[in-house]
């Protein structure tokens, strides 16, 4: 499988989780992911990877911890609302121009974020969407 095929596959998995979580179409799911990618200054495949591997599978790395936490809060909000982060976890994001190259590093977690062990949180993207939708 090429890198492009792998990117497309992970974007499709993430779209499915968002479609299930919010009950929206494939196009609406992709639009929401594109908006979230701009807000977090990540490429669409990187955001999708953070959603699938970090949120759904619980495979969080130090590099993805901040964006995974942001996505968890984002998924608990309505699809059009900003995430409701506790004041202690809010990180100021700089203004993002319309045209911008994706950074090589995802947003960093707050300095006070505790280190956690890697563990599976959800059995699948479907389980994650259902669990996050009920909270």
N, C-alpha and C. Protein backbone atom coordinates (compact mmCIF):
# COMPACT_ATOMS: atom_id res chain seq x y z
N UNK A 1 0.85 -1.17 0.00
CA UNK A 1 0.00 0.00 0.00
C UNK A 1 0.90 1.24 0.00
N UNK A 2 0.62 2.17 -0.88
CA UNK A 2 1.41 3.40 -0.96
C UNK A 2 1.01 4.35 0.16
N UNK A 3 1.84 5.37 0.36
CA UNK A 3 1.53 6.37 1.38
C UNK A 3 0.20 7.06 1.07
N UNK A 4 -0.03 7.36 -0.19
CA UNK A 4 -1.28 8.02 -0.58
C UNK A 4 -2.49 7.13 -0.27
N UNK A 5 -2.37 5.85 -0.59
CA UNK A 5 -3.47 4.92 -0.29
C UNK A 5 -3.69 4.81 1.21
N UNK A 6 -2.61 4.79 1.98
CA UNK A 6 -2.73 4.72 3.44
C UNK A 6 -3.40 5.98 3.97
N UNK A 7 -3.04 7.15 3.42
CA UNK A 7 -3.67 8.40 3.83
C UNK A 7 -5.16 8.39 3.52
N UNK A 8 -5.52 7.94 2.31
CA UNK A 8 -6.94 7.88 1.94
C UNK A 8 -7.70 6.91 2.84
N UNK A 9 -7.09 5.79 3.17
CA UNK A 9 -7.76 4.80 4.02
C UNK A 9 -8.03 5.35 5.42
N UNK A 10 -7.04 6.03 6.01
CA UNK A 10 -7.24 6.55 7.36
C UNK A 10 -8.25 7.70 7.36
N UNK A 11 -8.28 8.50 6.29
CA UNK A 11 -9.28 9.57 6.19
C UNK A 11 -10.68 8.96 6.10
N UNK A 12 -10.83 7.88 5.34
CA UNK A 12 -12.13 7.21 5.23
C UNK A 12 -12.57 6.63 6.58
N UNK A 13 -11.65 6.04 7.33
CA UNK A 13 -11.99 5.51 8.65
C UNK A 13 -12.45 6.63 9.57
N UNK A 14 -11.74 7.74 9.57
CA UNK A 14 -12.10 8.87 10.42
C UNK A 14 -13.44 9.46 10.00
N UNK A 15 -13.67 9.56 8.69
CA UNK A 15 -14.97 10.05 8.21
C UNK A 15 -16.09 9.18 8.73
N UNK A 16 -15.90 7.87 8.69
CA UNK A 16 -16.92 6.95 9.18
C UNK A 16 -17.22 7.15 10.65
N UNK A 17 -16.19 7.36 11.45
CA UNK A 17 -16.40 7.59 12.89
C UNK A 17 -17.18 8.88 13.12
N UNK A 18 -16.86 9.93 12.37
CA UNK A 18 -17.56 11.20 12.52
C UNK A 18 -19.00 11.08 12.02
N UNK A 19 -19.20 10.36 10.91
CA UNK A 19 -20.56 10.15 10.40
C UNK A 19 -21.42 9.44 11.44
N UNK A 20 -20.86 8.42 12.07
CA UNK A 20 -21.60 7.68 13.09
C UNK A 20 -21.84 8.54 14.33
N UNK A 21 -20.83 9.27 14.76
CA UNK A 21 -20.94 10.10 15.97
C UNK A 21 -22.01 11.17 15.82
N UNK A 22 -22.02 11.87 14.68
CA UNK A 22 -22.91 13.02 14.50
C UNK A 22 -24.13 12.73 13.63
N UNK A 23 -24.16 11.59 12.96
CA UNK A 23 -25.28 11.29 12.06
C UNK A 23 -25.30 12.19 10.85
N UNK A 24 -24.12 12.48 10.30
CA UNK A 24 -24.02 13.37 9.14
C UNK A 24 -23.56 12.57 7.92
N UNK A 25 -23.63 13.22 6.76
CA UNK A 25 -23.21 12.58 5.51
C UNK A 25 -21.69 12.53 5.39
N UNK A 26 -21.25 11.81 4.39
CA UNK A 26 -19.82 11.72 4.12
C UNK A 26 -19.23 13.09 3.80
N UNK A 27 -19.95 13.88 3.01
CA UNK A 27 -19.47 15.23 2.65
C UNK A 27 -19.38 16.13 3.89
N UNK A 28 -20.40 16.08 4.75
CA UNK A 28 -20.38 16.90 5.97
C UNK A 28 -19.25 16.46 6.90
N UNK A 29 -19.03 15.16 6.97
CA UNK A 29 -17.96 14.64 7.80
C UNK A 29 -16.60 15.11 7.30
N UNK A 30 -16.39 15.05 5.99
CA UNK A 30 -15.13 15.51 5.41
C UNK A 30 -14.94 17.01 5.60
N UNK A 31 -16.02 17.78 5.46
CA UNK A 31 -15.93 19.23 5.67
C UNK A 31 -15.56 19.55 7.12
N UNK A 32 -16.14 18.83 8.07
CA UNK A 32 -15.81 19.05 9.48
C UNK A 32 -14.34 18.70 9.73
N UNK A 33 -13.88 17.59 9.18
CA UNK A 33 -12.48 17.21 9.36
C UNK A 33 -11.54 18.24 8.74
N UNK A 34 -11.89 18.76 7.58
CA UNK A 34 -11.05 19.78 6.93
C UNK A 34 -10.98 21.04 7.80
N UNK A 35 -12.13 21.42 8.39
CA UNK A 35 -12.15 22.60 9.27
C UNK A 35 -11.30 22.34 10.52
N UNK A 36 -11.42 21.17 11.10
CA UNK A 36 -10.64 20.84 12.29
C UNK A 36 -9.15 20.79 11.97
N UNK A 37 -8.80 20.30 10.77
CA UNK A 37 -7.39 20.26 10.37
C UNK A 37 -6.83 21.68 10.29
N UNK A 38 -7.62 22.61 9.74
CA UNK A 38 -7.18 24.01 9.70
C UNK A 38 -7.04 24.57 11.11
N UNK A 39 -8.00 24.28 11.98
CA UNK A 39 -7.97 24.81 13.35
C UNK A 39 -6.76 24.29 14.13
N UNK A 40 -6.36 23.07 13.87
CA UNK A 40 -5.23 22.47 14.58
C UNK A 40 -3.92 22.60 13.82
N UNK A 41 -3.99 23.18 12.63
CA UNK A 41 -2.82 23.37 11.77
C UNK A 41 -2.15 22.05 11.40
N UNK A 42 -2.97 21.04 11.14
CA UNK A 42 -2.49 19.72 10.71
C UNK A 42 -2.99 19.44 9.30
N UNK A 43 -2.34 18.51 8.63
CA UNK A 43 -2.87 18.04 7.34
C UNK A 43 -4.07 17.15 7.64
N UNK A 44 -4.93 16.98 6.65
CA UNK A 44 -6.11 16.14 6.84
C UNK A 44 -5.73 14.70 7.22
N UNK A 45 -4.77 14.07 6.54
CA UNK A 45 -4.39 12.71 6.95
C UNK A 45 -3.81 12.64 8.37
N UNK A 46 -3.06 13.66 8.78
CA UNK A 46 -2.51 13.66 10.14
C UNK A 46 -3.62 13.78 11.18
N UNK A 47 -4.61 14.63 10.91
CA UNK A 47 -5.75 14.76 11.82
C UNK A 47 -6.52 13.44 11.87
N UNK A 48 -6.75 12.83 10.71
CA UNK A 48 -7.47 11.56 10.65
C UNK A 48 -6.72 10.48 11.43
N UNK A 49 -5.39 10.45 11.30
CA UNK A 49 -4.57 9.48 12.05
C UNK A 49 -4.72 9.70 13.55
N UNK A 50 -4.70 10.96 13.98
CA UNK A 50 -4.86 11.26 15.40
C UNK A 50 -6.23 10.79 15.89
N UNK A 51 -7.26 10.96 15.07
CA UNK A 51 -8.60 10.53 15.45
C UNK A 51 -8.68 9.00 15.53
N UNK A 52 -8.22 8.33 14.49
CA UNK A 52 -8.34 6.87 14.45
C UNK A 52 -7.40 6.19 15.44
N UNK A 53 -6.12 6.54 15.38
CA UNK A 53 -5.14 5.86 16.23
C UNK A 53 -5.15 6.38 17.66
N UNK A 54 -5.28 7.70 17.83
CA UNK A 54 -5.23 8.28 19.16
C UNK A 54 -6.53 8.17 19.92
N UNK A 55 -7.63 8.64 19.30
CA UNK A 55 -8.92 8.64 20.00
C UNK A 55 -9.55 7.25 19.99
N UNK A 56 -9.67 6.65 18.81
CA UNK A 56 -10.38 5.37 18.71
C UNK A 56 -9.58 4.20 19.26
N UNK A 57 -8.27 4.16 18.98
CA UNK A 57 -7.47 3.02 19.40
C UNK A 57 -6.68 3.28 20.67
N UNK A 58 -6.60 4.52 21.12
CA UNK A 58 -5.88 4.83 22.35
C UNK A 58 -4.38 4.78 22.22
N UNK A 59 -3.87 4.82 21.00
CA UNK A 59 -2.42 4.79 20.78
C UNK A 59 -1.90 6.22 20.69
N UNK A 60 -1.77 6.85 21.84
CA UNK A 60 -1.36 8.25 21.94
C UNK A 60 0.15 8.31 22.14
N UNK A 61 0.79 9.18 21.38
CA UNK A 61 2.23 9.40 21.54
C UNK A 61 2.43 10.79 22.14
N UNK A 62 3.60 11.07 22.66
CA UNK A 62 3.84 12.42 23.18
C UNK A 62 3.60 13.50 22.12
N UNK A 63 3.87 13.18 20.85
CA UNK A 63 3.67 14.15 19.78
C UNK A 63 2.20 14.38 19.47
N UNK A 64 1.35 13.39 19.69
CA UNK A 64 -0.07 13.53 19.35
C UNK A 64 -0.96 13.81 20.55
N UNK A 65 -0.41 13.82 21.75
CA UNK A 65 -1.22 13.96 22.96
C UNK A 65 -2.11 15.22 22.91
N UNK A 66 -1.56 16.35 22.51
CA UNK A 66 -2.33 17.60 22.49
C UNK A 66 -3.49 17.56 21.52
N UNK A 67 -3.25 17.09 20.31
CA UNK A 67 -4.32 17.06 19.32
C UNK A 67 -5.35 15.98 19.66
N UNK A 68 -4.93 14.87 20.26
CA UNK A 68 -5.88 13.83 20.67
C UNK A 68 -6.81 14.37 21.75
N UNK A 69 -6.25 15.08 22.72
CA UNK A 69 -7.09 15.67 23.77
C UNK A 69 -8.07 16.67 23.15
N UNK A 70 -7.58 17.49 22.21
CA UNK A 70 -8.44 18.47 21.53
C UNK A 70 -9.57 17.75 20.79
N UNK A 71 -9.24 16.67 20.08
CA UNK A 71 -10.25 15.91 19.36
C UNK A 71 -11.27 15.27 20.30
N UNK A 72 -10.82 14.76 21.44
CA UNK A 72 -11.77 14.17 22.40
C UNK A 72 -12.78 15.22 22.86
N UNK A 73 -12.31 16.41 23.16
CA UNK A 73 -13.22 17.49 23.56
C UNK A 73 -14.08 17.91 22.38
N UNK A 74 -13.49 17.97 21.21
CA UNK A 74 -14.20 18.36 19.99
C UNK A 74 -15.35 17.39 19.72
N UNK A 75 -15.11 16.10 19.89
CA UNK A 75 -16.13 15.09 19.60
C UNK A 75 -17.24 15.07 20.64
N UNK A 76 -17.01 15.66 21.79
CA UNK A 76 -18.07 15.74 22.81
C UNK A 76 -18.99 16.94 22.56
N UNK A 77 -18.55 17.88 21.73
CA UNK A 77 -19.34 19.07 21.40
C UNK A 77 -20.18 18.77 20.15
N UNK A 78 -21.08 19.69 19.83
CA UNK A 78 -21.84 19.59 18.59
C UNK A 78 -20.87 19.80 17.43
N UNK A 79 -21.19 19.31 16.27
CA UNK A 79 -20.26 19.35 15.14
C UNK A 79 -19.86 20.77 14.75
N UNK A 80 -20.72 21.75 14.97
CA UNK A 80 -20.41 23.13 14.60
C UNK A 80 -19.84 23.97 15.72
N UNK A 81 -19.82 23.45 16.94
CA UNK A 81 -19.34 24.23 18.09
C UNK A 81 -17.85 24.02 18.30
N UNK A 82 -17.19 25.02 18.91
CA UNK A 82 -15.78 24.81 19.28
C UNK A 82 -15.71 23.83 20.45
N UNK A 83 -14.57 23.18 20.63
CA UNK A 83 -14.45 22.24 21.75
C UNK A 83 -14.51 22.97 23.08
N UNK A 84 -15.06 22.32 24.09
CA UNK A 84 -15.17 22.91 25.42
C UNK A 84 -14.02 22.38 26.28
N UNK A 85 -12.89 23.05 26.21
CA UNK A 85 -11.72 22.66 26.99
C UNK A 85 -11.75 23.35 28.34
N UNK A 86 -11.35 22.66 29.40
CA UNK A 86 -11.20 23.34 30.69
C UNK A 86 -10.18 24.46 30.55
N UNK A 87 -10.35 25.52 31.32
CA UNK A 87 -9.46 26.68 31.22
C UNK A 87 -7.99 26.29 31.38
N UNK A 88 -7.72 25.31 32.23
CA UNK A 88 -6.33 24.90 32.46
C UNK A 88 -5.72 24.21 31.24
N UNK A 89 -6.55 23.74 30.30
CA UNK A 89 -6.04 23.02 29.13
C UNK A 89 -6.11 23.83 27.85
N UNK A 90 -6.65 25.03 27.90
CA UNK A 90 -6.77 25.81 26.68
C UNK A 90 -5.41 26.33 26.26
N UNK A 91 -5.13 26.14 25.00
CA UNK A 91 -3.87 26.59 24.43
C UNK A 91 -4.20 27.61 23.36
N UNK A 92 -3.59 28.77 23.47
CA UNK A 92 -3.83 29.81 22.46
C UNK A 92 -3.28 29.34 21.13
N UNK A 93 -4.11 29.40 20.10
CA UNK A 93 -3.66 29.04 18.76
C UNK A 93 -3.50 30.31 17.95
N UNK A 94 -2.41 30.42 17.22
CA UNK A 94 -2.22 31.61 16.41
C UNK A 94 -3.21 31.64 15.26
N UNK A 95 -3.41 32.84 14.71
CA UNK A 95 -4.28 32.99 13.55
C UNK A 95 -3.68 32.19 12.39
N UNK A 96 -4.50 31.43 11.70
CA UNK A 96 -4.02 30.61 10.60
C UNK A 96 -4.47 31.24 9.29
N UNK A 97 -3.54 31.63 8.41
CA UNK A 97 -3.94 32.17 7.11
C UNK A 97 -4.66 31.11 6.29
N UNK A 98 -5.41 31.55 5.28
CA UNK A 98 -6.18 30.62 4.46
C UNK A 98 -5.26 29.63 3.74
N UNK A 99 -4.14 30.11 3.21
CA UNK A 99 -3.20 29.23 2.53
C UNK A 99 -1.98 29.07 3.42
N UNK A 100 -1.74 27.83 3.83
CA UNK A 100 -0.62 27.59 4.74
C UNK A 100 -0.15 26.16 4.59
N UNK A 101 1.14 25.96 4.65
CA UNK A 101 1.69 24.61 4.61
C UNK A 101 1.54 23.99 6.00
N UNK A 102 1.17 22.72 6.04
CA UNK A 102 0.99 22.03 7.31
C UNK A 102 2.32 21.94 8.05
N UNK A 103 2.31 22.21 9.37
CA UNK A 103 3.55 22.11 10.13
C UNK A 103 3.96 20.65 10.30
N UNK A 104 5.22 20.45 10.64
CA UNK A 104 5.70 19.08 10.83
C UNK A 104 5.36 18.56 12.22
N UNK A 105 5.07 19.44 13.16
CA UNK A 105 4.75 19.03 14.53
C UNK A 105 3.31 19.39 14.87
N UNK A 106 2.54 18.49 15.52
CA UNK A 106 1.18 18.82 15.95
C UNK A 106 1.24 19.74 17.16
N UNK A 107 0.08 20.35 17.53
CA UNK A 107 0.06 21.21 18.71
C UNK A 107 0.55 20.44 19.93
N UNK A 108 1.27 21.12 20.80
CA UNK A 108 1.82 20.49 22.00
C UNK A 108 0.81 20.56 23.14
N UNK A 109 0.78 19.56 24.02
CA UNK A 109 -0.14 19.58 25.16
C UNK A 109 0.34 20.61 26.17
N UNK A 110 -0.56 21.02 27.08
CA UNK A 110 -0.16 21.94 28.14
C UNK A 110 0.95 21.30 28.97
N UNK A 111 1.78 22.13 29.57
CA UNK A 111 2.91 21.63 30.36
C UNK A 111 2.45 20.77 31.53
N UNK A 112 1.25 21.00 32.03
CA UNK A 112 0.77 20.28 33.20
C UNK A 112 0.11 18.94 32.85
N UNK A 113 0.09 18.56 31.56
CA UNK A 113 -0.56 17.31 31.18
C UNK A 113 0.21 16.12 31.75
N UNK A 114 -0.47 15.24 32.49
CA UNK A 114 0.23 14.10 33.09
C UNK A 114 0.58 13.07 32.02
N UNK A 115 1.67 12.38 32.23
CA UNK A 115 2.06 11.31 31.31
C UNK A 115 1.14 10.12 31.56
N UNK A 116 0.66 9.51 30.49
CA UNK A 116 -0.23 8.36 30.62
C UNK A 116 0.37 7.18 29.87
N UNK A 117 -0.02 5.99 30.31
CA UNK A 117 0.42 4.79 29.61
C UNK A 117 -0.43 4.63 28.36
N UNK A 118 0.15 4.02 27.35
CA UNK A 118 -0.59 3.75 26.13
C UNK A 118 -1.52 2.58 26.39
N UNK A 119 -2.79 2.76 26.08
CA UNK A 119 -3.75 1.68 26.28
C UNK A 119 -4.89 1.86 25.29
N UNK A 120 -5.57 0.78 25.00
CA UNK A 120 -6.72 0.84 24.11
C UNK A 120 -7.87 1.47 24.85
N UNK A 121 -8.48 2.46 24.25
CA UNK A 121 -9.64 3.09 24.86
C UNK A 121 -10.92 2.52 24.30
N UNK A 122 -10.92 2.28 23.01
CA UNK A 122 -12.13 1.83 22.33
C UNK A 122 -11.76 0.65 21.43
N UNK A 123 -12.68 -0.26 21.25
CA UNK A 123 -12.43 -1.43 20.42
C UNK A 123 -12.40 -1.09 18.94
N UNK A 124 -13.10 -0.02 18.54
CA UNK A 124 -13.16 0.35 17.13
C UNK A 124 -13.60 1.80 17.01
N UNK A 125 -13.58 2.30 15.79
CA UNK A 125 -14.06 3.66 15.54
C UNK A 125 -15.55 3.75 15.87
N UNK A 126 -16.29 2.69 15.61
CA UNK A 126 -17.73 2.67 15.92
C UNK A 126 -17.93 2.77 17.44
N UNK A 127 -17.18 1.99 18.20
CA UNK A 127 -17.28 2.04 19.66
C UNK A 127 -16.93 3.42 20.18
N UNK A 128 -15.88 4.04 19.63
CA UNK A 128 -15.47 5.39 20.05
C UNK A 128 -16.57 6.40 19.77
N UNK A 129 -17.14 6.33 18.58
CA UNK A 129 -18.20 7.29 18.22
C UNK A 129 -19.40 7.14 19.14
N UNK A 130 -19.78 5.91 19.43
CA UNK A 130 -20.92 5.70 20.33
C UNK A 130 -20.61 6.16 21.75
N UNK A 131 -19.42 5.85 22.24
CA UNK A 131 -19.05 6.24 23.60
C UNK A 131 -18.95 7.75 23.74
N UNK A 132 -18.34 8.40 22.77
CA UNK A 132 -18.20 9.86 22.84
C UNK A 132 -19.54 10.55 22.62
N UNK A 133 -20.43 9.93 21.87
CA UNK A 133 -21.75 10.51 21.64
C UNK A 133 -22.65 10.43 22.85
N UNK A 134 -22.40 9.50 23.74
CA UNK A 134 -23.27 9.33 24.91
C UNK A 134 -22.79 10.11 26.11
N UNK A 135 -21.63 10.76 26.02
CA UNK A 135 -21.12 11.49 27.19
C UNK A 135 -21.53 12.93 27.18
